[in-house]
Amino acid sequence: MTSLPEDSDSTGSTPRSEAGDTPKIVCARCGTPAPGPRPMWTCSVENGTRRYFCDNCARGNLRAIEGRLDSAWW
Protein backbone atom coordinates (compact mmCIF):
# COMPACT_ATOMS: atom_id res chain seq x y z
CA MET A 1 0.00 0.00 0.00
CA THR A 2 1.34 3.42 -0.89
CA SER A 3 0.64 6.72 0.76
CA LEU A 4 1.20 10.38 0.04
CA PRO A 5 4.51 11.86 1.22
CA GLU A 6 2.84 14.01 3.82
CA ASP A 7 1.17 10.95 5.36
CA SER A 8 4.39 9.05 6.04
CA ASP A 9 6.58 11.64 7.73
CA SER A 10 7.07 11.17 11.45
CA THR A 11 10.11 13.43 12.01
CA GLY A 12 8.15 16.59 12.54
CA SER A 13 9.42 18.04 9.28
CA THR A 14 5.82 18.35 8.07
CA PRO A 15 3.91 20.07 10.88
CA ARG A 16 0.27 20.88 10.25
CA SER A 17 -0.48 24.36 8.96
CA GLU A 18 -2.83 26.85 10.57
CA ALA A 19 -5.73 25.48 8.50
CA GLY A 20 -5.05 22.02 9.91
CA ASP A 21 -5.58 20.02 6.73
CA THR A 22 -2.45 20.70 4.62
CA PRO A 23 0.94 19.82 6.09
CA LYS A 24 3.65 22.46 5.96
CA ILE A 25 6.97 21.02 4.77
CA VAL A 26 10.17 22.38 6.29
CA CYS A 27 13.80 21.53 5.62
CA ALA A 28 14.94 18.72 7.95
CA ARG A 29 18.38 20.33 8.28
CA CYS A 30 17.87 24.10 8.58
CA GLY A 31 14.12 24.45 9.17
CA THR A 32 13.40 26.66 6.16
CA PRO A 33 9.68 26.45 5.31
CA ALA A 34 8.75 25.26 1.81
CA PRO A 35 7.38 27.90 -0.57
CA GLY A 36 4.39 25.70 -1.43
CA PRO A 37 2.65 22.46 -0.50
CA ARG A 38 4.84 20.31 -2.82
CA PRO A 39 8.31 21.85 -3.17
CA MET A 40 10.86 20.55 -5.67
CA TRP A 41 13.31 19.71 -2.88
CA THR A 42 15.54 16.71 -2.27
CA CYS A 43 13.67 13.94 -0.50
CA SER A 44 15.43 11.22 1.45
CA VAL A 45 14.09 8.19 3.30
CA GLU A 46 16.24 7.49 6.34
CA ASN A 47 15.36 4.61 8.69
CA GLY A 48 11.88 4.49 7.15
CA THR A 49 11.24 8.21 7.64
CA ARG A 50 10.82 10.67 4.78
CA ARG A 51 12.93 13.84 5.12
CA TYR A 52 13.02 16.91 2.87
CA PHE A 53 16.05 19.15 2.29
CA CYS A 54 15.93 22.66 0.79
CA ASP A 55 18.04 23.57 -2.25
CA ASN A 56 20.78 25.23 -0.17
CA CYS A 57 21.22 22.28 2.20
CA ALA A 58 21.08 19.76 -0.65
CA ARG A 59 23.70 21.63 -2.68
CA GLY A 60 26.00 22.04 0.30
CA ASN A 61 25.92 18.32 1.06
CA LEU A 62 25.64 16.84 -2.42
CA ARG A 63 28.56 14.39 -2.04
CA ALA A 64 27.12 12.99 1.21
CA ILE A 65 23.66 12.67 -0.36
CA GLU A 66 25.02 10.88 -3.43
CA GLY A 67 27.05 8.61 -1.13
CA ARG A 68 23.77 7.69 0.61
CA LEU A 69 25.01 8.86 3.98
CA ASP A 70 22.32 9.61 6.57
CA SER A 71 21.83 13.32 7.22
CA ALA A 72 22.94 12.78 10.83
CA TRP A 73 26.43 12.11 9.46
CA TRP A 74 26.69 15.37 7.49
PDB file of N, CA and C in Angstrom:
ATOM      1  N   MET A   1       0.841  -1.172   0.000  1.00  0.00           N
ATOM      2  CA  MET A   1       0.000   0.000   0.000  1.00  0.00           C
ATOM      3  C   MET A   1       0.878   1.224   0.000  1.00  0.00           C
ATOM      4  N   THR A   2       0.569   2.185  -0.834  1.00  0.00           N
ATOM      5  CA  THR A   2       1.340   3.425  -0.891  1.00  0.00           C
ATOM      6  C   THR A   2       0.559   4.542  -0.242  1.00  0.00           C
ATOM      7  N   SER A   3       1.293   5.572   0.147  1.00  0.00           N
ATOM      8  CA  SER A   3       0.639   6.723   0.763  1.00  0.00           C
ATOM      9  C   SER A   3       1.288   7.987   0.246  1.00  0.00           C
ATOM     10  N   LEU A   4       0.650   9.098   0.433  1.00  0.00           N
ATOM     11  CA  LEU A   4       1.196  10.380   0.037  1.00  0.00           C
ATOM     12  C   LEU A   4       2.373  10.738   0.929  1.00  0.00           C
ATOM     13  N   PRO A   5       3.347  11.512   0.413  1.00  0.00           N
ATOM     14  CA  PRO A   5       4.515  11.862   1.217  1.00  0.00           C
ATOM     15  C   PRO A   5       4.166  12.498   2.547  1.00  0.00           C
ATOM     16  N   GLU A   6       3.159  13.340   2.583  1.00  0.00           N
ATOM     17  CA  GLU A   6       2.836  14.013   3.823  1.00  0.00           C
ATOM     18  C   GLU A   6       2.211  13.083   4.857  1.00  0.00           C
ATOM     19  N   ASP A   7       1.760  11.904   4.425  1.00  0.00           N
ATOM     20  CA  ASP A   7       1.166  10.951   5.359  1.00  0.00           C
ATOM     21  C   ASP A   7       2.201  10.088   6.059  1.00  0.00           C
ATOM     22  N   SER A   8       3.424   9.999   5.513  1.00  0.00           N
ATOM     23  CA  SER A   8       4.392   9.047   6.038  1.00  0.00           C
ATOM     24  C   SER A   8       5.520   9.687   6.813  1.00  0.00           C
ATOM     25  N   ASP A   9       5.471  10.977   7.061  1.00  0.00           N
ATOM     26  CA  ASP A   9       6.578  11.644   7.731  1.00  0.00           C
ATOM     27  C   ASP A   9       6.329  11.708   9.225  1.00  0.00           C
ATOM     28  N   SER A  10       7.248  11.158  10.003  1.00  0.00           N
ATOM     29  CA  SER A  10       7.071  11.169  11.449  1.00  0.00           C
ATOM     30  C   SER A  10       8.183  11.929  12.153  1.00  0.00           C
ATOM     31  N   THR A  11       8.993  12.710  11.408  1.00  0.00           N
ATOM     32  CA  THR A  11      10.109  13.428  12.010  1.00  0.00           C
ATOM     33  C   THR A  11       9.709  14.797  12.518  1.00  0.00           C
ATOM     34  N   GLY A  12       8.529  15.239  12.172  1.00  0.00           N
ATOM     35  CA  GLY A  12       8.148  16.587  12.538  1.00  0.00           C
ATOM     36  C   GLY A  12       8.527  17.584  11.469  1.00  0.00           C
ATOM     37  N   SER A  13       9.044  17.117  10.337  1.00  0.00           N
ATOM     38  CA  SER A  13       9.417  18.043   9.282  1.00  0.00           C
ATOM     39  C   SER A  13       8.209  18.451   8.444  1.00  0.00           C
ATOM     40  N   THR A  14       7.039  17.927   8.750  1.00  0.00           N
ATOM     41  CA  THR A  14       5.822  18.348   8.072  1.00  0.00           C
ATOM     42  C   THR A  14       4.739  18.678   9.098  1.00  0.00           C
ATOM     43  N   PRO A  15       4.942  19.717   9.907  1.00  0.00           N
ATOM     44  CA  PRO A  15       3.908  20.073  10.880  1.00  0.00           C
ATOM     45  C   PRO A  15       2.657  20.578  10.181  1.00  0.00           C
ATOM     46  N   ARG A  16       1.540  20.422  10.820  1.00  0.00           N
ATOM     47  CA  ARG A  16       0.274  20.883  10.252  1.00  0.00           C
ATOM     48  C   ARG A  16       0.245  22.408  10.194  1.00  0.00           C
ATOM     49  N   SER A  17      -0.367  22.917   9.129  1.00  0.00           N
ATOM     50  CA  SER A  17      -0.478  24.359   8.958  1.00  0.00           C
ATOM     51  C   SER A  17      -1.594  24.904   9.840  1.00  0.00           C
ATOM     52  N   GLU A  18      -1.779  26.198   9.790  1.00  0.00           N
ATOM     53  CA  GLU A  18      -2.829  26.847  10.573  1.00  0.00           C
ATOM     54  C   GLU A  18      -4.208  26.287  10.213  1.00  0.00           C
ATOM     55  N   ALA A  19      -4.430  25.984   8.929  1.00  0.00           N
ATOM     56  CA  ALA A  19      -5.733  25.478   8.495  1.00  0.00           C
ATOM     57  C   ALA A  19      -5.984  24.083   9.044  1.00  0.00           C
ATOM     58  N   GLY A  20      -4.911  23.325   9.299  1.00  0.00           N
ATOM     59  CA  GLY A  20      -5.051  22.022   9.908  1.00  0.00           C
ATOM     60  C   GLY A  20      -5.157  20.867   8.938  1.00  0.00           C
ATOM     61  N   ASP A  21      -5.399  21.121   7.653  1.00  0.00           N
ATOM     62  CA  ASP A  21      -5.579  20.016   6.726  1.00  0.00           C
ATOM     63  C   ASP A  21      -4.411  19.826   5.759  1.00  0.00           C
ATOM     64  N   THR A  22      -3.583  20.819   5.529  1.00  0.00           N
ATOM     65  CA  THR A  22      -2.452  20.702   4.618  1.00  0.00           C
ATOM     66  C   THR A  22      -1.163  20.788   5.414  1.00  0.00           C
ATOM     67  N   PRO A  23      -0.315  19.761   5.337  1.00  0.00           N
ATOM     68  CA  PRO A  23       0.937  19.818   6.094  1.00  0.00           C
ATOM     69  C   PRO A  23       1.890  20.851   5.510  1.00  0.00           C
ATOM     70  N   LYS A  24       2.666  21.464   6.378  1.00  0.00           N
ATOM     71  CA  LYS A  24       3.649  22.457   5.963  1.00  0.00           C
ATOM     72  C   LYS A  24       5.011  21.779   6.002  1.00  0.00           C
ATOM     73  N   ILE A  25       5.678  21.685   4.853  1.00  0.00           N
ATOM     74  CA  ILE A  25       6.967  21.017   4.774  1.00  0.00           C
ATOM     75  C   ILE A  25       8.074  22.007   5.110  1.00  0.00           C
ATOM     76  N   VAL A  26       8.999  21.577   5.958  1.00  0.00           N
ATOM     77  CA  VAL A  26      10.168  22.384   6.294  1.00  0.00           C
ATOM     78  C   VAL A  26      11.419  21.547   6.066  1.00  0.00           C
ATOM     79  N   CYS A  27      12.533  22.210   5.825  1.00  0.00           N
ATOM     80  CA  CYS A  27      13.802  21.528   5.617  1.00  0.00           C
ATOM     81  C   CYS A  27      14.198  20.802   6.905  1.00  0.00           C
ATOM     82  N   ALA A  28      14.564  19.525   6.787  1.00  0.00           N
ATOM     83  CA  ALA A  28      14.939  18.724   7.950  1.00  0.00           C
ATOM     84  C   ALA A  28      16.277  19.147   8.537  1.00  0.00           C
ATOM     85  N   ARG A  29      17.068  19.905   7.788  1.00  0.00           N
ATOM     86  CA  ARG A  29      18.379  20.326   8.276  1.00  0.00           C
ATOM     87  C   ARG A  29      18.360  21.733   8.864  1.00  0.00           C
ATOM     88  N   CYS A  30      17.807  22.706   8.122  1.00  0.00           N
ATOM     89  CA  CYS A  30      17.873  24.105   8.580  1.00  0.00           C
ATOM     90  C   CYS A  30      16.531  24.672   9.033  1.00  0.00           C
ATOM     91  N   GLY A  31      15.432  23.986   8.725  1.00  0.00           N
ATOM     92  CA  GLY A  31      14.121  24.446   9.173  1.00  0.00           C
ATOM     93  C   GLY A  31      13.443  25.456   8.266  1.00  0.00           C
ATOM     94  N   THR A  32      14.010  25.720   7.098  1.00  0.00           N
ATOM     95  CA  THR A  32      13.403  26.660   6.163  1.00  0.00           C
ATOM     96  C   THR A  32      12.056  26.125   5.699  1.00  0.00           C
ATOM     97  N   PRO A  33      10.993  26.936   5.776  1.00  0.00           N
ATOM     98  CA  PRO A  33       9.683  26.455   5.310  1.00  0.00           C
ATOM     99  C   PRO A  33       9.635  26.388   3.782  1.00  0.00           C
ATOM    100  N   ALA A  34       8.907  25.418   3.257  1.00  0.00           N
ATOM    101  CA  ALA A  34       8.754  25.261   1.813  1.00  0.00           C
ATOM    102  C   ALA A  34       7.885  26.385   1.260  1.00  0.00           C
ATOM    103  N   PRO A  35       8.176  26.821   0.026  1.00  0.00           N
ATOM    104  CA  PRO A  35       7.381  27.895  -0.574  1.00  0.00           C
ATOM    105  C   PRO A  35       5.973  27.470  -0.982  1.00  0.00           C
ATOM    106  N   GLY A  36       5.705  26.186  -1.038  1.00  0.00           N
ATOM    107  CA  GLY A  36       4.387  25.697  -1.430  1.00  0.00           C
ATOM    108  C   GLY A  36       4.138  24.330  -0.826  1.00  0.00           C
ATOM    109  N   PRO A  37       2.986  23.749  -1.095  1.00  0.00           N
ATOM    110  CA  PRO A  37       2.648  22.461  -0.499  1.00  0.00           C
ATOM    111  C   PRO A  37       3.495  21.297  -1.023  1.00  0.00           C
ATOM    112  N   ARG A  38       4.018  21.379  -2.230  1.00  0.00           N
ATOM    113  CA  ARG A  38       4.842  20.311  -2.816  1.00  0.00           C
ATOM    114  C   ARG A  38       6.096  20.932  -3.439  1.00  0.00           C
ATOM    115  N   PRO A  39       7.113  21.226  -2.631  1.00  0.00           N
ATOM    116  CA  PRO A  39       8.315  21.852  -3.174  1.00  0.00           C
ATOM    117  C   PRO A  39       9.140  20.867  -3.998  1.00  0.00           C
ATOM    118  N   MET A  40       9.962  21.377  -4.865  1.00  0.00           N
ATOM    119  CA  MET A  40      10.862  20.550  -5.665  1.00  0.00           C
ATOM    120  C   MET A  40      12.190  20.437  -4.917  1.00  0.00           C
ATOM    121  N   TRP A  41      12.143  19.873  -3.732  1.00  0.00           N
ATOM    122  CA  TRP A  41      13.309  19.708  -2.884  1.00  0.00           C
ATOM    123  C   TRP A  41      13.808  18.278  -2.944  1.00  0.00           C
ATOM    124  N   THR A  42      15.000  18.054  -2.387  1.00  0.00           N
ATOM    125  CA  THR A  42      15.537  16.712  -2.267  1.00  0.00           C
ATOM    126  C   THR A  42      14.780  15.983  -1.168  1.00  0.00           C
ATOM    127  N   CYS A  43      14.378  14.758  -1.473  1.00  0.00           N
ATOM    128  CA  CYS A  43      13.666  13.942  -0.499  1.00  0.00           C
ATOM    129  C   CYS A  43      14.494  12.706  -0.216  1.00  0.00           C
ATOM    130  N   SER A  44      14.635  12.375   1.040  1.00  0.00           N
ATOM    131  CA  SER A  44      15.426  11.219   1.449  1.00  0.00           C
ATOM    132  C   SER A  44      14.615  10.394   2.439  1.00  0.00           C
ATOM    133  N   VAL A  45      14.725   9.079   2.329  1.00  0.00           N
ATOM    134  CA  VAL A  45      14.089   8.191   3.295  1.00  0.00           C
ATOM    135  C   VAL A  45      15.195   7.592   4.145  1.00  0.00           C
ATOM    136  N   GLU A  46      15.215   7.942   5.416  1.00  0.00           N
ATOM    137  CA  GLU A  46      16.235   7.486   6.345  1.00  0.00           C
ATOM    138  C   GLU A  46      15.564   6.721   7.484  1.00  0.00           C
ATOM    139  N   ASN A  47      15.944   5.472   7.657  1.00  0.00           N
ATOM    140  CA  ASN A  47      15.358   4.613   8.687  1.00  0.00           C
ATOM    141  C   ASN A  47      13.833   4.580   8.600  1.00  0.00           C
ATOM    142  N   GLY A  48      13.317   4.567   7.370  1.00  0.00           N
ATOM    143  CA  GLY A  48      11.880   4.486   7.151  1.00  0.00           C
ATOM    144  C   GLY A  48      11.140   5.800   7.292  1.00  0.00           C
ATOM    145  N   THR A  49      11.856   6.898   7.466  1.00  0.00           N
ATOM    146  CA  THR A  49      11.237   8.205   7.643  1.00  0.00           C
ATOM    147  C   THR A  49      11.599   9.117   6.478  1.00  0.00           C
ATOM    148  N   ARG A  50      10.607   9.756   5.894  1.00  0.00           N
ATOM    149  CA  ARG A  50      10.822  10.669   4.777  1.00  0.00           C
ATOM    150  C   ARG A  50      11.285  12.031   5.301  1.00  0.00           C
ATOM    151  N   ARG A  51      12.388  12.540   4.726  1.00  0.00           N
ATOM    152  CA  ARG A  51      12.931  13.838   5.122  1.00  0.00           C
ATOM    153  C   ARG A  51      13.149  14.686   3.889  1.00  0.00           C
ATOM    154  N   TYR A  52      12.856  15.980   3.977  1.00  0.00           N
ATOM    155  CA  TYR A  52      13.018  16.910   2.865  1.00  0.00           C
ATOM    156  C   TYR A  52      14.158  17.876   3.182  1.00  0.00           C
ATOM    157  N   PHE A  53      14.933  18.218   2.138  1.00  0.00           N
ATOM    158  CA  PHE A  53      16.045  19.152   2.287  1.00  0.00           C
ATOM    159  C   PHE A  53      15.917  20.257   1.249  1.00  0.00           C
ATOM    160  N   CYS A  54      16.043  21.513   1.688  1.00  0.00           N
ATOM    161  CA  CYS A  54      15.932  22.659   0.789  1.00  0.00           C
ATOM    162  C   CYS A  54      17.100  22.657  -0.202  1.00  0.00           C
ATOM    163  N   ASP A  55      17.006  23.501  -1.213  1.00  0.00           N
ATOM    164  CA  ASP A  55      18.038  23.566  -2.249  1.00  0.00           C
ATOM    165  C   ASP A  55      19.412  23.889  -1.672  1.00  0.00           C
ATOM    166  N   ASN A  56      19.489  24.836  -0.747  1.00  0.00           N
ATOM    167  CA  ASN A  56      20.782  25.228  -0.171  1.00  0.00           C
ATOM    168  C   ASN A  56      21.430  24.089   0.607  1.00  0.00           C
ATOM    169  N   CYS A  57      20.669  23.396   1.426  1.00  0.00           N
ATOM    170  CA  CYS A  57      21.217  22.284   2.205  1.00  0.00           C
ATOM    171  C   CYS A  57      21.598  21.124   1.289  1.00  0.00           C
ATOM    172  N   ALA A  58      20.790  20.856   0.282  1.00  0.00           N
ATOM    173  CA  ALA A  58      21.082  19.760  -0.646  1.00  0.00           C
ATOM    174  C   ALA A  58      22.349  20.054  -1.437  1.00  0.00           C
ATOM    175  N   ARG A  59      22.499  21.274  -1.922  1.00  0.00           N
ATOM    176  CA  ARG A  59      23.703  21.629  -2.684  1.00  0.00           C
ATOM    177  C   ARG A  59      24.952  21.564  -1.817  1.00  0.00           C
ATOM    178  N   GLY A  60      24.849  22.019  -0.603  1.00  0.00           N
ATOM    179  CA  GLY A  60      26.001  22.042   0.296  1.00  0.00           C
ATOM    180  C   GLY A  60      26.454  20.660   0.737  1.00  0.00           C
ATOM    181  N   ASN A  61      25.599  19.674   0.602  1.00  0.00           N
ATOM    182  CA  ASN A  61      25.917  18.315   1.059  1.00  0.00           C
ATOM    183  C   ASN A  61      25.714  17.282  -0.043  1.00  0.00           C
ATOM    184  N   LEU A  62      25.905  17.696  -1.282  1.00  0.00           N
ATOM    185  CA  LEU A  62      25.644  16.838  -2.423  1.00  0.00           C
ATOM    186  C   LEU A  62      26.445  15.538  -2.397  1.00  0.00           C
ATOM    187  N   ARG A  63      27.731  15.608  -2.060  1.00  0.00           N
ATOM    188  CA  ARG A  63      28.556  14.393  -2.036  1.00  0.00           C
ATOM    189  C   ARG A  63      28.037  13.394  -0.997  1.00  0.00           C
ATOM    190  N   ALA A  64      27.644  13.876   0.159  1.00  0.00           N
ATOM    191  CA  ALA A  64      27.123  12.989   1.206  1.00  0.00           C
ATOM    192  C   ALA A  64      25.786  12.379   0.784  1.00  0.00           C
ATOM    193  N   ILE A  65      24.955  13.163   0.108  1.00  0.00           N
ATOM    194  CA  ILE A  65      23.663  12.670  -0.358  1.00  0.00           C
ATOM    195  C   ILE A  65      23.869  11.593  -1.420  1.00  0.00           C
ATOM    196  N   GLU A  66      24.758  11.866  -2.378  1.00  0.00           N
ATOM    197  CA  GLU A  66      25.024  10.879  -3.428  1.00  0.00           C
ATOM    198  C   GLU A  66      25.681   9.621  -2.867  1.00  0.00           C
ATOM    199  N   GLY A  67      26.434   9.761  -1.777  1.00  0.00           N
ATOM    200  CA  GLY A  67      27.053   8.612  -1.130  1.00  0.00           C
ATOM    201  C   GLY A  67      26.089   7.858  -0.226  1.00  0.00           C
ATOM    202  N   ARG A  68      24.832   8.306  -0.196  1.00  0.00           N
ATOM    203  CA  ARG A  68      23.766   7.692   0.609  1.00  0.00           C
ATOM    204  C   ARG A  68      24.074   7.689   2.103  1.00  0.00           C
ATOM    205  N   LEU A  69      24.751   8.724   2.557  1.00  0.00           N
ATOM    206  CA  LEU A  69      25.014   8.858   3.982  1.00  0.00           C
ATOM    207  C   LEU A  69      23.798   9.487   4.652  1.00  0.00           C
ATOM    208  N   ASP A  70      23.419   9.000   5.820  1.00  0.00           N
ATOM    209  CA  ASP A  70      22.318   9.607   6.565  1.00  0.00           C
ATOM    210  C   ASP A  70      22.643  11.049   6.898  1.00  0.00           C
ATOM    211  N   SER A  71      21.623  11.893   6.949  1.00  0.00           N
ATOM    212  CA  SER A  71      21.831  13.318   7.218  1.00  0.00           C
ATOM    213  C   SER A  71      22.445  13.557   8.587  1.00  0.00           C
ATOM    214  N   ALA A  72      22.308  12.631   9.516  1.00  0.00           N
ATOM    215  CA  ALA A  72      22.940  12.782  10.829  1.00  0.00           C
ATOM    216  C   ALA A  72      24.460  12.802  10.696  1.00  0.00           C
ATOM    217  N   TRP A  73      24.980  12.144   9.671  1.00  0.00           N
ATOM    218  CA  TRP A  73      26.433  12.108   9.457  1.00  0.00           C
ATOM    219  C   TRP A  73      26.958  13.439   8.952  1.00  0.00           C
ATOM    220  N   TRP A  74      26.216  14.115   8.046  1.00  0.00           N
ATOM    221  CA  TRP A  74      26.685  15.366   7.495  1.00  0.00           C
ATOM    222  C   TRP A  74      26.124  16.515   8.237  1.00  0.00           C
TER     223      TRP A  74
END
